[in-house]
PDB file of N, CA and C in Angstrom:
ATOM      1  N   UNK A   1     -39.984 -23.658 -67.789  1.00  0.00           N
ATOM      2  CA  UNK A   1     -39.906 -23.384 -66.366  1.00  0.00           C
ATOM      3  C   UNK A   1     -38.442 -23.455 -65.931  1.00  0.00           C
ATOM      4  N   UNK A   2     -38.020 -22.481 -65.174  1.00  0.00           N
ATOM      5  CA  UNK A   2     -36.631 -22.399 -64.735  1.00  0.00           C
ATOM      6  C   UNK A   2     -36.267 -23.520 -63.764  1.00  0.00           C
ATOM      7  N   UNK A   3     -37.213 -23.951 -62.957  1.00  0.00           N
ATOM      8  CA  UNK A   3     -36.929 -25.007 -61.988  1.00  0.00           C
ATOM      9  C   UNK A   3     -36.472 -26.291 -62.672  1.00  0.00           C
ATOM     10  N   UNK A   4     -36.987 -26.577 -63.857  1.00  0.00           N
ATOM     11  CA  UNK A   4     -36.580 -27.775 -64.587  1.00  0.00           C
ATOM     12  C   UNK A   4     -35.135 -27.744 -65.017  1.00  0.00           C
ATOM     13  N   UNK A   5     -34.579 -26.561 -65.178  1.00  0.00           N
ATOM     14  CA  UNK A   5     -33.176 -26.437 -65.585  1.00  0.00           C
ATOM     15  C   UNK A   5     -32.225 -26.839 -64.465  1.00  0.00           C
ATOM     16  N   UNK A   6     -32.690 -26.761 -63.234  1.00  0.00           N
ATOM     17  CA  UNK A   6     -31.834 -27.082 -62.090  1.00  0.00           C
ATOM     18  C   UNK A   6     -32.281 -28.317 -61.329  1.00  0.00           C
ATOM     19  N   UNK A   7     -33.339 -28.974 -61.783  1.00  0.00           N
ATOM     20  CA  UNK A   7     -33.837 -30.174 -61.112  1.00  0.00           C
ATOM     21  C   UNK A   7     -32.926 -31.362 -61.398  1.00  0.00           C
ATOM     22  N   UNK A   8     -33.071 -32.389 -60.601  1.00  0.00           N
ATOM     23  CA  UNK A   8     -32.324 -33.613 -60.853  1.00  0.00           C
ATOM     24  C   UNK A   8     -32.854 -34.247 -62.137  1.00  0.00           C
ATOM     25  N   UNK A   9     -31.978 -34.763 -63.001  1.00  0.00           N
ATOM     26  CA  UNK A   9     -32.435 -35.404 -64.236  1.00  0.00           C
ATOM     27  C   UNK A   9     -33.398 -36.574 -64.005  1.00  0.00           C
ATOM     28  N   UNK A  10     -33.415 -37.097 -62.809  1.00  0.00           N
ATOM     29  CA  UNK A  10     -34.354 -38.157 -62.461  1.00  0.00           C
ATOM     30  C   UNK A  10     -35.796 -37.720 -62.714  1.00  0.00           C
ATOM     31  N   UNK A  11     -36.049 -36.414 -62.607  1.00  0.00           N
ATOM     32  CA  UNK A  11     -37.399 -35.866 -62.760  1.00  0.00           C
ATOM     33  C   UNK A  11     -37.640 -35.311 -64.168  1.00  0.00           C
ATOM     34  N   UNK A  12     -36.888 -35.777 -65.142  1.00  0.00           N
ATOM     35  CA  UNK A  12     -37.050 -35.436 -66.556  1.00  0.00           C
ATOM     36  C   UNK A  12     -36.775 -33.977 -66.886  1.00  0.00           C
ATOM     37  N   UNK A  13     -35.830 -33.392 -66.243  1.00  0.00           N
ATOM     38  CA  UNK A  13     -35.372 -32.038 -66.562  1.00  0.00           C
ATOM     39  C   UNK A  13     -33.864 -32.031 -66.500  1.00  0.00           C
ATOM     40  N   UNK A  14     -33.253 -30.938 -66.855  1.00  0.00           N
ATOM     41  CA  UNK A  14     -31.811 -30.781 -66.715  1.00  0.00           C
ATOM     42  C   UNK A  14     -31.040 -31.911 -67.411  1.00  0.00           C
ATOM     43  N   UNK A  15     -31.319 -32.114 -68.688  1.00  0.00           N
ATOM     44  CA  UNK A  15     -30.667 -33.184 -69.445  1.00  0.00           C
ATOM     45  C   UNK A  15     -29.158 -33.061 -69.385  1.00  0.00           C
ATOM     46  N   UNK A  16     -28.489 -34.168 -69.173  1.00  0.00           N
ATOM     47  CA  UNK A  16     -27.028 -34.254 -69.068  1.00  0.00           C
ATOM     48  C   UNK A  16     -26.469 -33.391 -67.950  1.00  0.00           C
ATOM     49  N   UNK A  17     -27.319 -32.954 -67.039  1.00  0.00           N
ATOM     50  CA  UNK A  17     -26.908 -32.125 -65.907  1.00  0.00           C
ATOM     51  C   UNK A  17     -26.217 -30.843 -66.359  1.00  0.00           C
ATOM     52  N   UNK A  18     -26.613 -30.318 -67.523  1.00  0.00           N
ATOM     53  CA  UNK A  18     -26.003 -29.113 -68.077  1.00  0.00           C
ATOM     54  C   UNK A  18     -26.237 -27.890 -67.196  1.00  0.00           C
ATOM     55  N   UNK A  19     -27.424 -27.772 -66.591  1.00  0.00           N
ATOM     56  CA  UNK A  19     -27.696 -26.651 -65.680  1.00  0.00           C
ATOM     57  C   UNK A  19     -26.769 -26.681 -64.480  1.00  0.00           C
ATOM     58  N   UNK A  20     -26.505 -27.871 -63.971  1.00  0.00           N
ATOM     59  CA  UNK A  20     -25.592 -28.007 -62.833  1.00  0.00           C
ATOM     60  C   UNK A  20     -24.160 -27.687 -63.240  1.00  0.00           C
ATOM     61  N   UNK A  21     -23.758 -28.153 -64.406  1.00  0.00           N
ATOM     62  CA  UNK A  21     -22.394 -27.872 -64.868  1.00  0.00           C
ATOM     63  C   UNK A  21     -22.189 -26.374 -65.074  1.00  0.00           C
ATOM     64  N   UNK A  22     -23.214 -25.690 -65.578  1.00  0.00           N
ATOM     65  CA  UNK A  22     -23.120 -24.261 -65.803  1.00  0.00           C
ATOM     66  C   UNK A  22     -22.899 -23.516 -64.479  1.00  0.00           C
ATOM     67  N   UNK A  23     -23.541 -23.953 -63.415  1.00  0.00           N
ATOM     68  CA  UNK A  23     -23.412 -23.323 -62.097  1.00  0.00           C
ATOM     69  C   UNK A  23     -22.331 -23.958 -61.228  1.00  0.00           C
ATOM     70  N   UNK A  24     -21.660 -25.004 -61.757  1.00  0.00           N
ATOM     71  CA  UNK A  24     -20.641 -25.757 -61.003  1.00  0.00           C
ATOM     72  C   UNK A  24     -21.216 -26.360 -59.713  1.00  0.00           C
ATOM     73  N   UNK A  25     -22.467 -26.824 -59.826  1.00  0.00           N
ATOM     74  CA  UNK A  25     -23.137 -27.481 -58.712  1.00  0.00           C
ATOM     75  C   UNK A  25     -22.795 -28.966 -58.746  1.00  0.00           C
ATOM     76  N   UNK A  26     -22.367 -29.560 -57.625  1.00  0.00           N
ATOM     77  CA  UNK A  26     -21.930 -30.957 -57.650  1.00  0.00           C
ATOM     78  C   UNK A  26     -23.049 -31.982 -57.683  1.00  0.00           C
ATOM     79  N   UNK A  27     -24.281 -31.560 -57.522  1.00  0.00           N
ATOM     80  CA  UNK A  27     -25.375 -32.515 -57.556  1.00  0.00           C
ATOM     81  C   UNK A  27     -25.510 -33.274 -56.258  1.00  0.00           C
ATOM     82  N   UNK A  28     -25.939 -34.498 -56.342  1.00  0.00           N
ATOM     83  CA  UNK A  28     -26.237 -35.315 -55.164  1.00  0.00           C
ATOM     84  C   UNK A  28     -25.006 -36.118 -54.738  1.00  0.00           C
ATOM     85  N   UNK A  29     -23.989 -35.443 -54.324  1.00  0.00           N
ATOM     86  CA  UNK A  29     -22.783 -36.120 -53.831  1.00  0.00           C
ATOM     87  C   UNK A  29     -23.073 -36.735 -52.465  1.00  0.00           C
ATOM     88  N   UNK A  30     -22.487 -37.863 -52.190  1.00  0.00           N
ATOM     89  CA  UNK A  30     -22.680 -38.487 -50.883  1.00  0.00           C
ATOM     90  C   UNK A  30     -22.086 -37.612 -49.785  1.00  0.00           C
ATOM     91  N   UNK A  31     -20.922 -37.054 -50.042  1.00  0.00           N
ATOM     92  CA  UNK A  31     -20.285 -36.151 -49.082  1.00  0.00           C
ATOM     93  C   UNK A  31     -19.197 -35.367 -49.798  1.00  0.00           C
ATOM     94  N   UNK A  32     -19.084 -34.117 -49.456  1.00  0.00           N
ATOM     95  CA  UNK A  32     -17.965 -33.333 -49.966  1.00  0.00           C
ATOM     96  C   UNK A  32     -17.492 -32.333 -48.920  1.00  0.00           C
ATOM     97  N   UNK A  33     -17.762 -32.639 -47.655  1.00  0.00           N
ATOM     98  CA  UNK A  33     -17.318 -31.754 -46.578  1.00  0.00           C
ATOM     99  C   UNK A  33     -15.798 -31.711 -46.477  1.00  0.00           C
ATOM    100  N   UNK A  34     -15.123 -32.768 -46.890  1.00  0.00           N
ATOM    101  CA  UNK A  34     -13.663 -32.765 -46.874  1.00  0.00           C
ATOM    102  C   UNK A  34     -13.113 -31.700 -47.825  1.00  0.00           C
ATOM    103  N   UNK A  35     -13.856 -31.365 -48.880  1.00  0.00           N
ATOM    104  CA  UNK A  35     -13.418 -30.308 -49.795  1.00  0.00           C
ATOM    105  C   UNK A  35     -13.662 -28.928 -49.215  1.00  0.00           C
ATOM    106  N   UNK A  36     -14.677 -28.782 -48.392  1.00  0.00           N
ATOM    107  CA  UNK A  36     -14.958 -27.484 -47.789  1.00  0.00           C
ATOM    108  C   UNK A  36     -13.861 -27.080 -46.810  1.00  0.00           C
ATOM    109  N   UNK A  37     -13.234 -28.039 -46.183  1.00  0.00           N
ATOM    110  CA  UNK A  37     -12.168 -27.745 -45.234  1.00  0.00           C
ATOM    111  C   UNK A  37     -10.842 -27.444 -45.932  1.00  0.00           C
ATOM    112  N   UNK A  38     -10.744 -27.772 -47.206  1.00  0.00           N
ATOM    113  CA  UNK A  38      -9.516 -27.565 -47.964  1.00  0.00           C
ATOM    114  C   UNK A  38      -9.415 -26.125 -48.448  1.00  0.00           C
ATOM    115  N   UNK A  39      -8.191 -25.650 -48.610  1.00  0.00           N
ATOM    116  CA  UNK A  39      -7.956 -24.307 -49.138  1.00  0.00           C
ATOM    117  C   UNK A  39      -7.978 -24.270 -50.657  1.00  0.00           C
ATOM    118  N   UNK A  40      -7.874 -25.435 -51.295  1.00  0.00           N
ATOM    119  CA  UNK A  40      -7.869 -25.506 -52.751  1.00  0.00           C
ATOM    120  C   UNK A  40      -9.283 -25.520 -53.288  1.00  0.00           C
ATOM    121  N   UNK A  41      -9.464 -24.951 -54.485  1.00  0.00           N
ATOM    122  CA  UNK A  41     -10.749 -25.017 -55.173  1.00  0.00           C
ATOM    123  C   UNK A  41     -10.728 -26.217 -56.098  1.00  0.00           C
ATOM    124  N   UNK A  42     -11.690 -27.091 -55.929  1.00  0.00           N
ATOM    125  CA  UNK A  42     -11.795 -28.271 -56.782  1.00  0.00           C
ATOM    126  C   UNK A  42     -13.207 -28.353 -57.317  1.00  0.00           C
ATOM    127  N   UNK A  43     -13.326 -28.753 -58.568  1.00  0.00           N
ATOM    128  CA  UNK A  43     -14.641 -28.955 -59.139  1.00  0.00           C
ATOM    129  C   UNK A  43     -14.943 -30.443 -59.189  1.00  0.00           C
ATOM    130  N   UNK A  44     -16.174 -30.779 -58.936  1.00  0.00           N
ATOM    131  CA  UNK A  44     -16.628 -32.164 -58.977  1.00  0.00           C
ATOM    132  C   UNK A  44     -17.587 -32.327 -60.144  1.00  0.00           C
ATOM    133  N   UNK A  45     -17.536 -33.451 -60.784  1.00  0.00           N
ATOM    134  CA  UNK A  45     -18.522 -33.757 -61.814  1.00  0.00           C
ATOM    135  C   UNK A  45     -19.858 -33.985 -61.114  1.00  0.00           C
ATOM    136  N   UNK A  46     -20.941 -33.442 -61.643  1.00  0.00           N
ATOM    137  CA  UNK A  46     -22.248 -33.630 -61.013  1.00  0.00           C
ATOM    138  C   UNK A  46     -22.677 -35.098 -61.013  1.00  0.00           C
ATOM    139  N   UNK A  47     -23.419 -35.453 -59.984  1.00  0.00           N
ATOM    140  CA  UNK A  47     -23.938 -36.818 -59.834  1.00  0.00           C
ATOM    141  C   UNK A  47     -25.450 -36.717 -59.647  1.00  0.00           C
ATOM    142  N   UNK A  48     -26.179 -37.509 -60.404  1.00  0.00           N
ATOM    143  CA  UNK A  48     -27.639 -37.531 -60.309  1.00  0.00           C
ATOM    144  C   UNK A  48     -28.085 -38.585 -59.298  1.00  0.00           C
ATOM    145  N   UNK A  49     -29.271 -38.393 -58.766  1.00  0.00           N
ATOM    146  CA  UNK A  49     -29.840 -39.386 -57.858  1.00  0.00           C
ATOM    147  C   UNK A  49     -30.012 -40.735 -58.553  1.00  0.00           C
ATOM    148  N   UNK A  50     -30.307 -40.711 -59.841  1.00  0.00           N
ATOM    149  CA  UNK A  50     -30.536 -41.959 -60.563  1.00  0.00           C
ATOM    150  C   UNK A  50     -29.269 -42.788 -60.713  1.00  0.00           C
ATOM    151  N   UNK A  51     -28.103 -42.181 -60.564  1.00  0.00           N
ATOM    152  CA  UNK A  51     -26.850 -42.933 -60.669  1.00  0.00           C
ATOM    153  C   UNK A  51     -26.438 -43.572 -59.353  1.00  0.00           C
ATOM    154  N   UNK A  52     -27.184 -43.325 -58.296  1.00  0.00           N
ATOM    155  CA  UNK A  52     -26.842 -43.855 -56.953  1.00  0.00           C
ATOM    156  C   UNK A  52     -27.680 -45.080 -56.637  1.00  0.00           C
ATOM    157  N   UNK A  53     -27.471 -46.133 -57.352  1.00  0.00           N
ATOM    158  CA  UNK A  53     -28.246 -47.349 -57.099  1.00  0.00           C
ATOM    159  C   UNK A  53     -27.394 -48.439 -56.562  1.00  0.00           C
TER     160      UNK A  53
END
């Protein structure tokens, strides 16, 4: 199932967040609006919900 490739690893899919890294998706960041206002392109390492404890 394709949805498992992009789901949070907390739900037993997307091991090592590889699907997110492939799409350059930052995952469950607390905030990244400060980057949207910037003119520079920056990549963030993906963060899973399970790492936010």
